[in-house]
Amino acid sequence: MPIDKELRKVLRSGVKSLVLHEVRLLWMNQVSAPEIVRDDVSRSLEEMKREIVRLTRTMGYKEKIPLLRRLIQQAVDEEIDRAIGIRKNRCLR
């Protein structure tokens, strides 16, 4: 069963948001952010994960795994490129 474009668009957005929140949570753990903030981000991550699982339930296993791997890889690559761009464009204040 082919995946429709709308579902693919929603999954791409969800996975991208999930990766971004994971990166933020890792950063918060490194800079000792307040626990209440880390808990809130962690709770948000769990909700996003549940939503992605709910959306992929209708897909077959052979279709779901490669799609999610590709979406996660794309989101990670975009986040790495964004971080590199920020480091290159630092301004002196």
Protein backbone atom coordinates (compact mmCIF):
# COMPACT_ATOMS: atom_id res chain seq x y z
CA MET A 1 0.00 0.00 0.00
CA PRO A 2 1.67 3.26 -1.10
CA ILE A 3 1.97 6.07 1.42
CA ASP A 4 -0.03 9.16 0.54
CA LYS A 5 1.71 12.52 0.34
CA GLU A 6 -0.20 14.05 3.24
CA LEU A 7 0.88 11.28 5.65
CA ARG A 8 4.47 11.56 4.43
CA LYS A 9 4.38 15.33 4.97
CA VAL A 10 3.03 14.94 8.52
CA LEU A 11 5.60 12.25 9.35
CA ARG A 12 8.45 14.35 7.96
CA SER A 13 7.37 17.30 10.09
CA GLY A 14 6.97 15.12 13.18
CA VAL A 15 10.34 13.43 12.81
CA LYS A 16 12.06 16.76 12.17
CA SER A 17 10.48 18.21 15.31
CA LEU A 18 11.41 15.10 17.27
CA VAL A 19 15.08 15.34 16.28
CA LEU A 20 15.15 19.04 17.11
CA HIS A 21 13.68 18.43 20.56
CA GLU A 22 16.12 15.58 21.22
CA VAL A 23 19.04 17.88 20.40
CA ARG A 24 17.64 20.56 22.68
CA LEU A 25 17.21 18.08 25.51
CA LEU A 26 20.81 16.90 25.15
CA TRP A 27 21.99 20.51 25.19
CA MET A 28 19.89 21.24 28.28
CA ASN A 29 21.45 18.30 30.08
CA GLN A 30 24.92 19.62 29.28
CA VAL A 31 24.27 23.17 30.47
CA SER A 32 22.39 22.08 33.59
CA ALA A 33 19.05 23.61 32.68
CA PRO A 34 16.37 23.59 35.39
CA GLU A 35 14.82 20.18 35.91
CA ILE A 36 11.30 21.46 35.33
CA VAL A 37 12.28 22.63 31.84
CA ARG A 38 14.00 19.34 31.03
CA ASP A 39 10.95 17.42 32.25
CA ASP A 40 8.66 19.50 30.06
CA VAL A 41 10.81 18.89 26.97
CA SER A 42 11.03 15.21 27.83
CA ARG A 43 7.24 14.97 28.17
CA SER A 44 6.83 16.75 24.84
CA LEU A 45 9.20 14.22 23.23
CA GLU A 46 7.16 11.31 24.54
CA GLU A 47 3.96 12.83 23.13
CA MET A 48 5.59 13.30 19.72
CA LYS A 49 6.86 9.72 19.72
CA ARG A 50 3.37 8.42 20.51
CA GLU A 51 1.91 10.52 17.70
CA ILE A 52 4.42 9.18 15.17
CA VAL A 53 3.72 5.60 16.30
CA ARG A 54 -0.01 6.25 15.94
CA LEU A 55 0.46 7.60 12.42
CA THR A 56 2.60 4.64 11.31
CA ARG A 57 0.29 1.92 12.66
CA THR A 58 -1.55 1.74 9.35
CA MET A 59 1.67 1.05 7.44
CA GLY A 60 3.24 -2.32 6.82
CA TYR A 61 6.53 -3.18 8.54
CA LYS A 62 8.50 -3.35 5.28
CA GLU A 63 7.20 0.07 4.32
CA LYS A 64 7.45 1.75 7.72
CA ILE A 65 11.04 0.99 8.74
CA PRO A 66 12.83 2.29 5.61
CA LEU A 67 10.64 5.40 5.54
CA LEU A 68 11.31 6.26 9.18
CA ARG A 69 15.04 5.60 8.79
CA ARG A 70 15.19 7.90 5.78
CA LEU A 71 13.15 10.63 7.50
CA ILE A 72 15.29 10.47 10.64
CA GLN A 73 18.51 10.58 8.60
CA GLN A 74 17.27 13.60 6.63
CA ALA A 75 16.23 15.42 9.81
CA VAL A 76 19.57 14.72 11.49
CA ASP A 77 21.49 15.87 8.40
CA GLU A 78 19.45 19.08 8.25
CA GLU A 79 20.04 19.77 11.95
CA ILE A 80 23.79 19.19 11.53
CA ASP A 81 23.87 21.52 8.52
CA ARG A 82 21.95 24.15 10.49
CA ALA A 83 24.37 23.88 13.42
CA ILE A 84 27.36 24.20 11.09
CA GLY A 85 25.77 27.25 9.46
CA ILE A 86 25.25 28.89 12.84
CA ARG A 87 28.87 28.28 13.81
CA LYS A 88 30.11 29.73 10.51
CA ASN A 89 28.00 32.88 10.80
CA ARG A 90 28.86 33.87 14.34
CA CYS A 91 29.11 37.57 14.88
CA LEU A 92 31.28 39.37 17.38
CA ARG A 93 29.31 41.46 19.83
